Amino acid sequence: MNTSLCLIRPDNYLQEVVLALKPVLVLCMPFNEEFPSQLKIVEEVASSLQNELKVGLLEEAFIDTFKKNLQISGTPTFLFMVKGKEKSRMIGLTDLQALADFVTTARKTVEAPSLQNTTRTG
């Protein structure tokens, strides 16, 4: 596995996801026949965005618990998380461009200033 990916397990979830200083893209997917192609795409995103984004892969034994806790109905599911909170979700097999677009959109949403604190005059 690529060194720009972290393996997320129950014993390191707090450290790797909740306390992470950067947003985290989490791949929730069983290790099936589609897994290698999806992993390659995730590794490319991880490598190209390693300064702005942490990318994690769920340990297979943790997938069912994770799916139940976050109400994930299908896999693969890609979750964009900040401080352990889900900010965006994409379900289904993907290609490099679609995953890159998902991450870009999710990052912009998180980085956008809150309109609730804007005061309008006039």
N, C-alpha and C. Protein backbone atom coordinates (compact mmCIF):
# COMPACT_ATOMS: atom_id res chain seq x y z
N MET A 1 0.84 -1.19 0.00
CA MET A 1 0.00 0.00 0.00
C MET A 1 0.88 1.24 0.00
N ASN A 2 0.40 2.25 -0.68
CA ASN A 2 1.07 3.53 -0.82
C ASN A 2 1.29 4.17 0.56
N THR A 3 2.44 4.79 0.74
CA THR A 3 2.74 5.41 2.04
C THR A 3 1.93 6.68 2.29
N SER A 4 1.28 7.21 1.24
CA SER A 4 0.46 8.40 1.47
C SER A 4 -0.93 8.03 1.96
N LEU A 5 -1.20 6.74 2.12
CA LEU A 5 -2.47 6.26 2.68
C LEU A 5 -2.25 5.78 4.09
N CYS A 6 -3.26 5.95 4.93
CA CYS A 6 -3.18 5.38 6.27
C CYS A 6 -4.27 4.31 6.40
N LEU A 7 -3.97 3.27 7.13
CA LEU A 7 -4.94 2.22 7.39
C LEU A 7 -5.70 2.60 8.66
N ILE A 8 -7.02 2.71 8.54
CA ILE A 8 -7.85 3.14 9.66
C ILE A 8 -8.46 1.93 10.33
N ARG A 9 -8.18 1.83 11.63
CA ARG A 9 -8.66 0.72 12.46
C ARG A 9 -9.39 1.31 13.67
N PRO A 10 -10.14 0.49 14.39
CA PRO A 10 -10.82 1.01 15.59
C PRO A 10 -9.85 1.64 16.59
N ASP A 11 -8.64 1.08 16.71
CA ASP A 11 -7.70 1.58 17.71
C ASP A 11 -6.98 2.87 17.29
N ASN A 12 -7.07 3.27 16.01
CA ASN A 12 -6.40 4.51 15.61
C ASN A 12 -7.35 5.51 14.96
N TYR A 13 -8.65 5.22 14.95
CA TYR A 13 -9.64 6.10 14.31
C TYR A 13 -9.59 7.52 14.91
N LEU A 14 -9.52 7.60 16.21
CA LEU A 14 -9.46 8.91 16.87
C LEU A 14 -8.26 9.71 16.35
N GLN A 15 -7.10 9.11 16.37
CA GLN A 15 -5.88 9.79 15.95
C GLN A 15 -5.88 10.11 14.46
N GLU A 16 -6.26 9.15 13.63
CA GLU A 16 -6.14 9.31 12.18
C GLU A 16 -7.26 10.14 11.55
N VAL A 17 -8.44 10.16 12.16
CA VAL A 17 -9.58 10.84 11.54
C VAL A 17 -10.07 12.03 12.39
N VAL A 18 -10.39 11.78 13.64
CA VAL A 18 -10.98 12.83 14.48
C VAL A 18 -9.97 13.93 14.80
N LEU A 19 -8.76 13.56 15.13
CA LEU A 19 -7.75 14.55 15.51
C LEU A 19 -6.85 14.99 14.36
N ALA A 20 -7.13 14.53 13.16
CA ALA A 20 -6.31 14.87 11.99
C ALA A 20 -6.33 16.38 11.76
N LEU A 21 -5.20 16.94 11.42
CA LEU A 21 -5.09 18.37 11.17
C LEU A 21 -5.62 18.76 9.79
N LYS A 22 -5.66 17.80 8.88
CA LYS A 22 -6.15 18.04 7.53
C LYS A 22 -7.47 17.29 7.34
N PRO A 23 -8.27 17.68 6.36
CA PRO A 23 -9.44 16.86 6.03
C PRO A 23 -9.00 15.45 5.66
N VAL A 24 -9.90 14.49 5.83
CA VAL A 24 -9.58 13.09 5.57
C VAL A 24 -10.57 12.53 4.55
N LEU A 25 -10.03 11.91 3.51
CA LEU A 25 -10.84 11.17 2.55
C LEU A 25 -10.76 9.71 2.97
N VAL A 26 -11.90 9.11 3.26
CA VAL A 26 -11.93 7.72 3.73
C VAL A 26 -12.59 6.86 2.67
N LEU A 27 -11.91 5.76 2.31
CA LEU A 27 -12.48 4.78 1.40
C LEU A 27 -13.07 3.64 2.23
N CYS A 28 -14.37 3.44 2.09
CA CYS A 28 -15.07 2.34 2.75
C CYS A 28 -15.45 1.34 1.66
N MET A 29 -14.69 0.25 1.59
CA MET A 29 -14.91 -0.72 0.52
C MET A 29 -14.34 -2.07 0.92
N PRO A 30 -15.11 -3.14 0.69
CA PRO A 30 -14.56 -4.47 0.97
C PRO A 30 -13.45 -4.80 -0.03
N PHE A 31 -12.60 -5.70 0.36
CA PHE A 31 -11.48 -6.09 -0.50
C PHE A 31 -12.00 -7.13 -1.50
N ASN A 32 -12.68 -6.66 -2.56
CA ASN A 32 -13.24 -7.56 -3.56
C ASN A 32 -12.53 -7.37 -4.89
N GLU A 33 -13.12 -7.88 -5.98
CA GLU A 33 -12.45 -7.82 -7.29
C GLU A 33 -12.30 -6.39 -7.82
N GLU A 34 -13.14 -5.46 -7.38
CA GLU A 34 -13.05 -4.06 -7.81
C GLU A 34 -12.06 -3.26 -6.97
N PHE A 35 -11.68 -3.81 -5.84
CA PHE A 35 -10.84 -3.08 -4.89
C PHE A 35 -9.52 -2.58 -5.49
N PRO A 36 -8.76 -3.42 -6.20
CA PRO A 36 -7.46 -2.93 -6.71
C PRO A 36 -7.58 -1.69 -7.60
N SER A 37 -8.58 -1.65 -8.48
CA SER A 37 -8.71 -0.49 -9.37
C SER A 37 -9.10 0.76 -8.59
N GLN A 38 -9.98 0.62 -7.59
CA GLN A 38 -10.37 1.77 -6.78
C GLN A 38 -9.23 2.24 -5.90
N LEU A 39 -8.46 1.29 -5.37
CA LEU A 39 -7.31 1.64 -4.54
C LEU A 39 -6.29 2.45 -5.34
N LYS A 40 -6.06 2.06 -6.58
CA LYS A 40 -5.11 2.79 -7.43
C LYS A 40 -5.56 4.24 -7.62
N ILE A 41 -6.84 4.45 -7.84
CA ILE A 41 -7.38 5.80 -8.01
C ILE A 41 -7.20 6.61 -6.72
N VAL A 42 -7.53 6.00 -5.60
CA VAL A 42 -7.39 6.67 -4.31
C VAL A 42 -5.93 7.02 -4.04
N GLU A 43 -5.02 6.11 -4.38
CA GLU A 43 -3.59 6.37 -4.19
C GLU A 43 -3.14 7.55 -5.04
N GLU A 44 -3.66 7.68 -6.25
CA GLU A 44 -3.28 8.81 -7.10
C GLU A 44 -3.76 10.14 -6.50
N VAL A 45 -4.97 10.14 -5.98
CA VAL A 45 -5.49 11.35 -5.33
C VAL A 45 -4.67 11.65 -4.08
N ALA A 46 -4.36 10.63 -3.30
CA ALA A 46 -3.56 10.82 -2.08
C ALA A 46 -2.19 11.41 -2.42
N SER A 47 -1.58 10.91 -3.46
CA SER A 47 -0.26 11.38 -3.84
C SER A 47 -0.30 12.83 -4.34
N SER A 48 -1.31 13.16 -5.13
CA SER A 48 -1.37 14.51 -5.70
C SER A 48 -1.81 15.57 -4.69
N LEU A 49 -2.52 15.16 -3.63
CA LEU A 49 -3.03 16.12 -2.65
C LEU A 49 -2.46 15.90 -1.25
N GLN A 50 -1.33 15.26 -1.15
CA GLN A 50 -0.81 14.87 0.16
C GLN A 50 -0.56 16.04 1.10
N ASN A 51 -0.36 17.25 0.58
CA ASN A 51 -0.14 18.41 1.46
C ASN A 51 -1.44 18.99 2.00
N GLU A 52 -2.56 18.72 1.32
CA GLU A 52 -3.84 19.30 1.71
C GLU A 52 -4.83 18.30 2.28
N LEU A 53 -4.57 17.02 2.10
CA LEU A 53 -5.57 16.00 2.40
C LEU A 53 -4.90 14.74 2.93
N LYS A 54 -5.52 14.16 3.93
CA LYS A 54 -5.10 12.86 4.43
C LYS A 54 -6.05 11.83 3.82
N VAL A 55 -5.54 10.70 3.42
CA VAL A 55 -6.38 9.69 2.79
C VAL A 55 -6.24 8.38 3.56
N GLY A 56 -7.39 7.83 3.93
CA GLY A 56 -7.40 6.62 4.73
C GLY A 56 -8.22 5.51 4.11
N LEU A 57 -7.79 4.32 4.38
CA LEU A 57 -8.45 3.11 3.92
C LEU A 57 -8.89 2.35 5.16
N LEU A 58 -10.17 1.98 5.21
CA LEU A 58 -10.65 1.24 6.37
C LEU A 58 -10.12 -0.18 6.37
N GLU A 59 -9.65 -0.60 7.52
CA GLU A 59 -9.27 -2.00 7.69
C GLU A 59 -10.53 -2.84 7.45
N GLU A 60 -10.38 -3.93 6.73
CA GLU A 60 -11.55 -4.71 6.32
C GLU A 60 -12.40 -5.16 7.51
N ALA A 61 -11.80 -5.52 8.61
CA ALA A 61 -12.56 -5.96 9.79
C ALA A 61 -13.37 -4.82 10.42
N PHE A 62 -13.05 -3.59 10.11
CA PHE A 62 -13.72 -2.40 10.66
C PHE A 62 -14.86 -1.91 9.77
N ILE A 63 -14.95 -2.40 8.53
CA ILE A 63 -15.90 -1.87 7.55
C ILE A 63 -17.34 -2.01 8.02
N ASP A 64 -17.76 -3.17 8.48
CA ASP A 64 -19.17 -3.36 8.87
C ASP A 64 -19.57 -2.43 10.02
N THR A 65 -18.72 -2.29 11.00
CA THR A 65 -19.02 -1.40 12.12
C THR A 65 -19.09 0.05 11.65
N PHE A 66 -18.16 0.44 10.82
CA PHE A 66 -18.11 1.79 10.28
C PHE A 66 -19.37 2.08 9.47
N LYS A 67 -19.76 1.12 8.61
CA LYS A 67 -20.97 1.29 7.78
C LYS A 67 -22.21 1.47 8.66
N LYS A 68 -22.30 0.69 9.71
CA LYS A 68 -23.46 0.78 10.60
C LYS A 68 -23.48 2.14 11.31
N ASN A 69 -22.34 2.54 11.84
CA ASN A 69 -22.27 3.81 12.59
C ASN A 69 -22.55 5.03 11.73
N LEU A 70 -22.17 4.98 10.45
CA LEU A 70 -22.37 6.13 9.58
C LEU A 70 -23.50 5.92 8.57
N GLN A 71 -24.27 4.88 8.77
CA GLN A 71 -25.42 4.58 7.92
C GLN A 71 -25.04 4.54 6.45
N ILE A 72 -24.03 3.77 6.15
CA ILE A 72 -23.56 3.59 4.78
C ILE A 72 -24.27 2.37 4.21
N SER A 73 -24.98 2.57 3.12
CA SER A 73 -25.77 1.49 2.55
C SER A 73 -25.07 0.75 1.42
N GLY A 74 -24.14 1.37 0.76
CA GLY A 74 -23.46 0.73 -0.36
C GLY A 74 -21.98 1.02 -0.37
N THR A 75 -21.27 0.18 -1.06
CA THR A 75 -19.83 0.38 -1.19
C THR A 75 -19.46 0.20 -2.66
N PRO A 76 -18.41 0.86 -3.09
CA PRO A 76 -17.55 1.72 -2.28
C PRO A 76 -18.24 3.04 -1.93
N THR A 77 -17.88 3.54 -0.78
CA THR A 77 -18.31 4.87 -0.35
C THR A 77 -17.06 5.67 0.00
N PHE A 78 -17.01 6.87 -0.52
CA PHE A 78 -15.92 7.79 -0.26
C PHE A 78 -16.47 8.89 0.64
N LEU A 79 -15.85 9.08 1.79
CA LEU A 79 -16.30 10.08 2.75
C LEU A 79 -15.24 11.16 2.89
N PHE A 80 -15.69 12.40 2.85
CA PHE A 80 -14.81 13.55 3.10
C PHE A 80 -15.12 14.00 4.51
N MET A 81 -14.14 13.90 5.41
CA MET A 81 -14.37 14.16 6.82
C MET A 81 -13.43 15.25 7.33
N VAL A 82 -13.97 16.05 8.25
CA VAL A 82 -13.19 17.09 8.91
C VAL A 82 -13.42 16.94 10.41
N LYS A 83 -12.34 16.75 11.15
CA LYS A 83 -12.42 16.57 12.62
C LYS A 83 -13.39 15.44 12.99
N GLY A 84 -13.41 14.38 12.17
CA GLY A 84 -14.24 13.22 12.45
C GLY A 84 -15.69 13.35 12.04
N LYS A 85 -16.05 14.49 11.45
CA LYS A 85 -17.44 14.69 11.01
C LYS A 85 -17.52 14.60 9.49
N GLU A 86 -18.50 13.84 9.03
CA GLU A 86 -18.70 13.70 7.60
C GLU A 86 -19.19 15.02 7.01
N LYS A 87 -18.51 15.47 5.96
CA LYS A 87 -18.90 16.70 5.28
C LYS A 87 -19.49 16.42 3.90
N SER A 88 -19.09 15.32 3.29
CA SER A 88 -19.60 14.95 1.98
C SER A 88 -19.39 13.45 1.76
N ARG A 89 -20.21 12.90 0.84
CA ARG A 89 -20.18 11.46 0.59
C ARG A 89 -20.41 11.20 -0.90
N MET A 90 -19.66 10.24 -1.42
CA MET A 90 -19.86 9.78 -2.79
C MET A 90 -19.93 8.26 -2.76
N ILE A 91 -20.98 7.71 -3.39
CA ILE A 91 -21.18 6.27 -3.38
C ILE A 91 -21.02 5.73 -4.79
N GLY A 92 -20.31 4.62 -4.90
CA GLY A 92 -20.18 3.93 -6.18
C GLY A 92 -18.77 3.93 -6.71
N LEU A 93 -18.54 3.04 -7.69
CA LEU A 93 -17.23 2.97 -8.33
C LEU A 93 -16.95 4.30 -9.01
N THR A 94 -15.69 4.68 -9.03
CA THR A 94 -15.32 5.98 -9.57
C THR A 94 -14.12 5.88 -10.48
N ASP A 95 -13.85 6.98 -11.14
CA ASP A 95 -12.60 7.11 -11.90
C ASP A 95 -11.82 8.27 -11.29
N LEU A 96 -10.63 8.48 -11.77
CA LEU A 96 -9.76 9.50 -11.18
C LEU A 96 -10.38 10.89 -11.25
N GLN A 97 -10.93 11.26 -12.39
CA GLN A 97 -11.49 12.61 -12.54
C GLN A 97 -12.68 12.83 -11.62
N ALA A 98 -13.57 11.84 -11.52
CA ALA A 98 -14.76 11.97 -10.66
C ALA A 98 -14.35 12.10 -9.19
N LEU A 99 -13.36 11.32 -8.76
CA LEU A 99 -12.93 11.41 -7.36
C LEU A 99 -12.23 12.74 -7.10
N ALA A 100 -11.41 13.18 -8.03
CA ALA A 100 -10.74 14.48 -7.88
C ALA A 100 -11.78 15.61 -7.81
N ASP A 101 -12.80 15.53 -8.65
CA ASP A 101 -13.86 16.55 -8.62
C ASP A 101 -14.62 16.52 -7.30
N PHE A 102 -14.90 15.32 -6.80
CA PHE A 102 -15.59 15.18 -5.51
C PHE A 102 -14.78 15.84 -4.41
N VAL A 103 -13.49 15.57 -4.36
CA VAL A 103 -12.63 16.14 -3.32
C VAL A 103 -12.55 17.66 -3.46
N THR A 104 -12.41 18.15 -4.67
CA THR A 104 -12.34 19.60 -4.90
C THR A 104 -13.60 20.29 -4.42
N THR A 105 -14.76 19.74 -4.78
CA THR A 105 -16.04 20.32 -4.36
C THR A 105 -16.19 20.27 -2.85
N ALA A 106 -15.84 19.13 -2.24
CA ALA A 106 -15.96 18.99 -0.78
C ALA A 106 -15.03 19.98 -0.07
N ARG A 107 -13.82 20.15 -0.57
CA ARG A 107 -12.88 21.10 0.04
C ARG A 107 -13.40 22.53 -0.05
N LYS A 108 -13.97 22.90 -1.19
CA LYS A 108 -14.49 24.25 -1.36
C LYS A 108 -15.66 24.50 -0.41
N THR A 109 -16.49 23.51 -0.23
CA THR A 109 -17.63 23.63 0.67
C THR A 109 -17.17 23.87 2.10
N VAL A 110 -16.16 23.14 2.52
CA VAL A 110 -15.63 23.27 3.89
C VAL A 110 -14.90 24.58 4.07
N GLU A 111 -14.18 25.02 3.04
CA GLU A 111 -13.37 26.23 3.15
C GLU A 111 -14.17 27.51 2.94
N ALA A 112 -15.38 27.41 2.39
CA ALA A 112 -16.19 28.61 2.12
C ALA A 112 -16.58 29.27 3.43
N PRO A 113 -16.50 30.61 3.49
CA PRO A 113 -16.89 31.31 4.71
C PRO A 113 -18.39 31.15 4.94
N SER A 114 -18.76 31.11 6.18
CA SER A 114 -20.17 30.96 6.54
C SER A 114 -20.95 32.22 6.19
N LEU A 115 -22.04 32.03 5.47
CA LEU A 115 -22.88 33.17 5.12
C LEU A 115 -23.76 33.60 6.28
N GLN A 116 -23.89 32.75 7.29
CA GLN A 116 -24.72 33.08 8.45
C GLN A 116 -24.15 34.26 9.24
N ASN A 117 -22.86 34.47 9.16
CA ASN A 117 -22.24 35.54 9.92
C ASN A 117 -22.07 36.83 9.12
N THR A 118 -22.63 36.86 7.92
CA THR A 118 -22.51 38.04 7.07
C THR A 118 -23.63 39.00 7.39
N THR A 119 -23.27 40.24 7.60
CA THR A 119 -24.27 41.28 7.86
C THR A 119 -24.46 42.09 6.59
N ARG A 120 -25.71 42.25 6.19
CA ARG A 120 -26.00 43.04 4.99
C ARG A 120 -26.51 44.41 5.42
N THR A 121 -26.05 45.42 4.73
CA THR A 121 -26.53 46.79 4.99
C THR A 121 -27.09 47.35 3.70
N GLY A 122 -27.98 48.32 3.84
CA GLY A 122 -28.46 49.02 2.68
C GLY A 122 -29.78 48.64 2.26
